[in-house]
N, C-alpha and C. Protein backbone atom coordinates (compact mmCIF):
# COMPACT_ATOMS: atom_id res chain seq x y z
N MET A 1 99.75 118.69 117.24
CA MET A 1 98.51 118.27 117.33
C MET A 1 98.02 117.87 115.67
N SER A 2 97.37 116.70 115.94
CA SER A 2 96.82 116.69 114.50
C SER A 2 95.49 116.83 113.76
N ARG A 3 95.54 116.77 112.61
CA ARG A 3 94.24 117.28 111.96
C ARG A 3 93.31 116.40 112.05
N HIS A 4 93.73 114.93 112.27
CA HIS A 4 92.55 113.89 112.05
C HIS A 4 92.76 113.24 113.00
N PRO A 5 92.41 113.21 114.34
CA PRO A 5 92.98 112.34 115.70
C PRO A 5 92.18 111.33 115.48
N GLY A 6 92.64 109.63 115.62
CA GLY A 6 92.11 108.85 115.76
C GLY A 6 92.62 108.20 113.89
N THR A 7 92.92 108.79 113.17
CA THR A 7 92.77 108.15 112.01
C THR A 7 94.64 107.35 111.83
N ILE A 8 94.70 106.50 111.04
CA ILE A 8 95.88 105.83 110.61
C ILE A 8 97.10 106.53 110.07
N GLU A 9 96.71 107.73 109.48
CA GLU A 9 96.91 108.54 108.76
C GLU A 9 97.63 109.34 110.42
N SER A 10 96.70 109.93 111.08
CA SER A 10 97.36 111.22 112.08
C SER A 10 98.44 110.04 112.91
N GLN A 11 98.34 109.12 113.29
CA GLN A 11 99.29 107.95 113.81
C GLN A 11 100.69 108.23 113.32
N TYR A 12 100.66 108.11 112.08
CA TYR A 12 101.80 107.86 111.08
C TYR A 12 102.33 109.70 111.28
N SER A 13 101.33 110.33 110.90
CA SER A 13 101.74 112.09 111.12
C SER A 13 102.70 112.18 111.83
N GLU A 14 102.33 111.58 112.69
CA GLU A 14 102.86 112.16 114.23
C GLU A 14 104.08 111.73 114.58
N ALA A 15 104.08 110.76 114.03
CA ALA A 15 105.52 109.45 113.99
C ALA A 15 106.41 109.78 113.25
N THR A 16 106.07 110.67 111.90
CA THR A 16 106.87 110.80 111.01
C THR A 16 107.08 112.07 110.38
N GLY A 17 105.83 113.32 110.91
CA GLY A 17 106.09 113.93 110.32
C GLY A 17 105.24 114.74 109.24
N ALA A 18 105.17 113.44 108.35
CA ALA A 18 104.49 113.48 107.06
C ALA A 18 102.49 113.98 107.01
N SER A 19 102.22 114.79 106.50
CA SER A 19 101.16 115.30 106.39
C SER A 19 100.37 114.96 105.12
N TRP A 20 100.80 114.69 104.11
CA TRP A 20 99.81 114.34 102.86
C TRP A 20 99.98 113.30 102.40
N PHE A 21 99.49 112.48 101.67
CA PHE A 21 99.45 111.27 101.44
C PHE A 21 99.29 110.98 99.99
N LEU A 22 99.63 110.61 99.30
CA LEU A 22 99.08 109.89 98.02
C LEU A 22 98.91 108.75 97.98
N TYR A 23 97.39 108.27 97.61
CA TYR A 23 97.06 107.25 97.40
C TYR A 23 96.44 106.47 96.16
N LEU A 24 96.51 104.94 95.57
CA LEU A 24 96.26 104.25 94.49
C LEU A 24 94.85 103.70 95.34
N LEU A 25 93.54 103.52 94.73
CA LEU A 25 92.51 102.88 94.51
C LEU A 25 92.16 102.00 93.25
N GLU A 26 92.12 101.15 93.70
CA GLU A 26 91.57 100.02 92.33
C GLU A 26 89.97 100.24 92.36
N CYS A 27 89.38 100.71 91.28
CA CYS A 27 87.78 100.51 90.82
C CYS A 27 87.09 99.23 90.78
N HIS A 28 86.02 99.05 90.79
CA HIS A 28 85.24 98.10 90.41
C HIS A 28 85.38 97.71 88.89
N ASP A 29 86.12 98.52 88.15
CA ASP A 29 85.94 98.01 86.81
C ASP A 29 87.53 97.68 86.21
N GLY A 30 88.73 97.55 87.34
CA GLY A 30 89.94 97.32 87.25
C GLY A 30 90.75 98.41 87.30
N SER A 31 89.92 99.75 86.89
CA SER A 31 90.91 100.85 86.67
C SER A 31 91.47 101.05 87.89
N ILE A 32 92.46 101.84 87.98
CA ILE A 32 93.12 102.77 88.87
C ILE A 32 93.21 104.26 89.22
N TYR A 33 92.84 104.71 90.53
CA TYR A 33 92.45 106.15 90.26
C TYR A 33 93.56 106.38 91.17
N THR A 34 94.25 107.88 91.23
CA THR A 34 95.16 107.89 92.08
C THR A 34 95.08 109.59 92.27
N GLY A 35 95.01 109.94 93.63
CA GLY A 35 94.90 111.49 94.14
C GLY A 35 95.95 111.12 95.92
N ILE A 36 95.59 112.41 96.43
CA ILE A 36 96.50 112.73 97.37
C ILE A 36 95.43 113.57 98.38
N ALA A 37 95.58 113.31 99.71
CA ALA A 37 94.69 113.55 100.91
C ALA A 37 95.89 113.99 102.09
N LEU A 38 94.74 114.43 103.02
CA LEU A 38 95.18 114.38 104.14
C LEU A 38 94.62 113.69 104.94
N ASP A 39 93.77 113.25 104.89
CA ASP A 39 92.77 111.66 105.61
C ASP A 39 92.38 110.78 104.24
N VAL A 40 93.23 109.34 104.08
CA VAL A 40 92.88 108.73 103.15
C VAL A 40 91.43 107.79 103.39
N GLN A 41 91.37 107.64 104.56
CA GLN A 41 90.26 106.53 104.85
C GLN A 41 88.78 107.48 104.91
N ALA A 42 89.06 108.78 105.25
CA ALA A 42 88.07 109.49 104.98
C ALA A 42 87.51 109.68 103.22
N ARG A 43 88.91 110.05 102.44
CA ARG A 43 88.58 110.47 100.95
C ARG A 43 87.76 108.92 100.31
N PHE A 44 88.85 107.96 100.86
CA PHE A 44 87.93 106.58 99.90
C PHE A 44 86.72 106.36 100.98
N ARG A 45 85.70 106.76 101.49
CA ARG A 45 84.74 106.85 102.30
C ARG A 45 83.81 108.07 100.72
N LEU A 46 84.37 109.04 101.19
CA LEU A 46 83.78 109.91 99.92
C LEU A 46 83.78 109.25 98.56
N HIS A 47 84.94 108.72 97.93
CA HIS A 47 84.75 108.01 96.38
C HIS A 47 83.63 107.56 96.99
N ALA A 48 83.67 106.30 97.69
CA ALA A 48 82.66 105.14 97.93
C ALA A 48 81.35 105.63 98.29
N SER A 49 81.01 106.79 98.16
CA SER A 49 79.47 107.25 98.50
C SER A 49 79.06 107.91 97.02
N GLY A 50 80.03 108.07 96.43
CA GLY A 50 79.89 108.82 95.09
C GLY A 50 80.18 110.47 95.04
N LYS A 51 80.69 110.67 96.15
CA LYS A 51 80.92 112.27 96.78
C LYS A 51 82.61 112.56 96.18
N GLY A 52 82.99 111.77 95.76
CA GLY A 52 84.33 112.18 95.88
C GLY A 52 84.94 113.19 94.15
N ALA A 53 85.74 112.19 93.67
CA ALA A 53 86.09 112.90 92.13
C ALA A 53 85.06 112.00 91.01
N ARG A 54 85.16 112.85 89.87
CA ARG A 54 84.31 112.68 89.19
C ARG A 54 84.31 111.21 88.50
N TYR A 55 85.46 110.91 88.26
CA TYR A 55 86.36 109.08 87.89
C TYR A 55 85.47 108.53 88.68
N THR A 56 85.65 108.88 89.98
CA THR A 56 84.99 107.40 90.94
C THR A 56 83.77 107.41 91.24
N ARG A 57 82.64 108.63 90.25
CA ARG A 57 81.32 108.65 90.59
C ARG A 57 80.78 107.17 89.48
N SER A 58 81.33 107.33 88.56
CA SER A 58 80.96 105.98 87.79
C SER A 58 81.45 105.15 87.70
N ARG A 59 83.13 105.03 88.43
CA ARG A 59 83.90 103.82 89.09
C ARG A 59 84.04 103.68 90.64
N PRO A 60 83.13 103.23 90.93
CA PRO A 60 83.41 103.61 92.79
C PRO A 60 84.36 102.66 93.09
N PRO A 61 85.22 102.97 93.96
CA PRO A 61 86.54 102.25 94.21
C PRO A 61 86.27 100.66 95.20
N ARG A 62 87.11 100.06 94.83
CA ARG A 62 86.88 98.61 95.32
C ARG A 62 87.99 98.37 96.59
N ARG A 63 89.41 98.76 96.68
CA ARG A 63 90.21 98.76 97.96
C ARG A 63 91.22 99.88 97.68
N VAL A 64 92.29 100.22 98.61
CA VAL A 64 93.19 101.00 98.71
C VAL A 64 94.36 99.90 98.52
N LEU A 65 94.77 100.53 97.33
CA LEU A 65 96.10 99.69 96.86
C LEU A 65 97.37 100.13 97.50
N ALA A 66 97.84 101.36 97.63
CA ALA A 66 98.81 102.03 98.32
C ALA A 66 98.55 103.26 98.77
N VAL A 67 99.34 103.40 99.82
CA VAL A 67 99.23 105.02 100.33
C VAL A 67 101.01 105.57 100.46
N VAL A 68 101.01 106.34 100.19
CA VAL A 68 102.51 107.00 100.75
C VAL A 68 102.45 108.28 100.87
N ALA A 69 102.99 108.16 102.31
CA ALA A 69 103.58 109.73 102.41
C ALA A 69 104.21 110.21 102.31
N TYR A 70 104.11 111.70 102.37
CA TYR A 70 104.49 112.75 102.36
C TYR A 70 105.08 114.44 102.79
N PRO A 71 106.07 114.78 103.33
CA PRO A 71 105.87 115.70 103.67
C PRO A 71 105.11 117.24 104.20
N ASP A 72 104.46 117.50 102.64
CA ASP A 72 103.70 118.78 102.16
C ASP A 72 103.20 118.17 100.84
N ARG A 73 102.19 119.48 100.70
CA ARG A 73 100.76 118.97 99.52
C ARG A 73 101.50 119.02 98.73
N SER A 74 103.01 119.73 98.34
CA SER A 74 103.86 120.24 97.28
C SER A 74 104.40 118.47 96.74
N SER A 75 104.87 118.50 97.72
CA SER A 75 106.10 117.03 97.19
C SER A 75 104.72 116.18 97.10
N ALA A 76 103.75 115.54 97.87
CA ALA A 76 102.29 114.81 96.95
C ALA A 76 101.98 115.06 95.52
N LEU A 77 101.48 116.32 95.32
CA LEU A 77 101.20 116.76 94.10
C LEU A 77 102.31 116.38 92.77
N ARG A 78 103.50 116.73 93.24
CA ARG A 78 104.78 115.73 92.19
C ARG A 78 104.60 114.47 92.29
N ALA A 79 104.39 114.11 93.32
CA ALA A 79 104.15 112.26 92.96
C ALA A 79 102.97 112.27 92.21
N GLU A 80 101.78 112.80 92.80
CA GLU A 80 100.92 112.26 92.08
C GLU A 80 101.08 112.85 90.18
N HIS A 81 101.51 113.36 90.20
CA HIS A 81 101.58 113.92 88.45
C HIS A 81 102.79 113.03 87.88
N ALA A 82 103.30 112.51 88.59
CA ALA A 82 104.69 111.33 88.31
C ALA A 82 103.90 110.27 88.26
N MET A 83 103.10 109.99 88.68
CA MET A 83 102.39 108.44 89.16
C MET A 83 101.18 108.08 88.04
N LYS A 84 100.62 109.54 87.86
CA LYS A 84 99.54 109.69 87.09
C LYS A 84 99.75 109.35 85.40
N ARG A 85 101.06 109.40 85.14
CA ARG A 85 101.81 109.74 83.96
C ARG A 85 102.35 107.47 83.61
N MET A 86 102.18 107.24 84.76
CA MET A 86 102.65 105.58 84.59
C MET A 86 101.56 105.13 84.33
N SER A 87 101.74 103.85 83.63
CA SER A 87 100.53 102.74 82.94
C SER A 87 99.75 102.50 84.06
N ALA A 88 98.94 101.71 83.62
CA ALA A 88 98.24 101.19 85.06
C ALA A 88 99.15 99.77 85.56
N ARG A 89 99.67 98.62 84.53
CA ARG A 89 100.79 97.73 84.73
C ARG A 89 102.17 98.10 85.78
N ASP A 90 101.79 99.59 85.72
CA ASP A 90 103.46 100.04 86.00
C ASP A 90 103.34 100.36 87.35
N LYS A 91 101.59 100.82 87.76
CA LYS A 91 101.12 101.01 88.67
C LYS A 91 101.21 99.84 89.78
N ARG A 92 100.45 98.93 89.21
CA ARG A 92 100.38 97.69 89.82
C ARG A 92 101.68 97.20 90.45
N ARG A 93 102.57 97.15 89.65
CA ARG A 93 103.72 96.63 89.55
C ARG A 93 104.35 97.46 91.35
N PHE A 94 104.17 98.60 90.97
CA PHE A 94 104.90 99.63 92.18
C PHE A 94 103.98 99.31 93.54
N CYS A 95 102.87 98.85 93.66
CA CYS A 95 101.66 98.74 94.53
C CYS A 95 102.56 96.95 94.94
N LEU A 96 102.81 96.36 94.35
CA LEU A 96 103.10 94.89 94.84
C LEU A 96 104.96 95.21 95.21
N GLN A 97 105.49 95.77 94.83
CA GLN A 97 106.95 96.11 95.27
C GLN A 97 106.46 96.74 96.63
N ARG A 98 105.53 97.78 97.31
CA ARG A 98 105.59 98.50 97.98
C ARG A 98 104.86 97.31 99.07
N ASP A 99 104.32 96.47 98.79
CA ASP A 99 103.32 95.27 99.52
C ASP A 99 104.64 94.48 100.67
N GLN A 100 105.48 94.71 98.99
CA GLN A 100 106.73 93.15 99.80
C GLN A 100 107.25 94.09 100.62
N LEU A 101 107.74 95.20 100.09
CA LEU A 101 109.02 96.26 101.80
C LEU A 101 107.99 96.17 102.97
N TRP A 102 106.71 96.71 102.78
CA TRP A 102 105.75 96.51 104.34
C TRP A 102 105.92 95.31 104.74
N ARG A 103 105.74 93.89 103.58
CA ARG A 103 105.44 92.72 104.73
C ARG A 103 107.07 92.52 105.26
N LEU A 104 108.50 92.58 104.44
CA LEU A 104 109.16 92.62 104.77
C LEU A 104 109.38 93.23 106.20
N ALA A 105 109.21 94.42 106.48
CA ALA A 105 109.38 95.05 107.44
C ALA A 105 108.69 94.71 108.34
N ARG A 106 107.32 94.19 108.42
CA ARG A 106 106.72 93.35 109.75
C ARG A 106 107.82 92.61 109.92
N GLU A 107 108.17 91.39 109.12
CA GLU A 107 108.93 90.36 109.78
C GLU A 107 109.83 90.55 110.31
N MET A 108 110.97 91.52 110.03
CA MET A 108 111.95 91.84 110.71
C MET A 108 111.73 92.42 112.10
N ALA A 109 110.41 92.86 112.32
CA ALA A 109 110.73 93.72 113.37
C ALA A 109 109.82 92.57 114.27
N VAL A 110 109.45 91.66 114.01
CA VAL A 110 108.85 90.30 114.98
C VAL A 110 109.74 89.50 115.53
């Protein structure tokens, strides 16, 4: 049974067995925030309301750039650590590549 019924994450988790998500947010100043969560939509709302991380209190999020699923918290934390070591330019490149892969998968499914 899903921890967060009705969310995109719960539907994906049930289909793939993933339970933790790495996410990248673009902030209003153009910076990129990276974090992990069980429910990215809920976490985004917390960041947007000023109740999320200290970083996003002074730089509210504009949009979600990417979400990547992981089977457990440990894997997601390792991915978060690696992502935080990347430059903003490389993070944006990562997001663009993922977007191209998602677009290709949608086109192939039609």
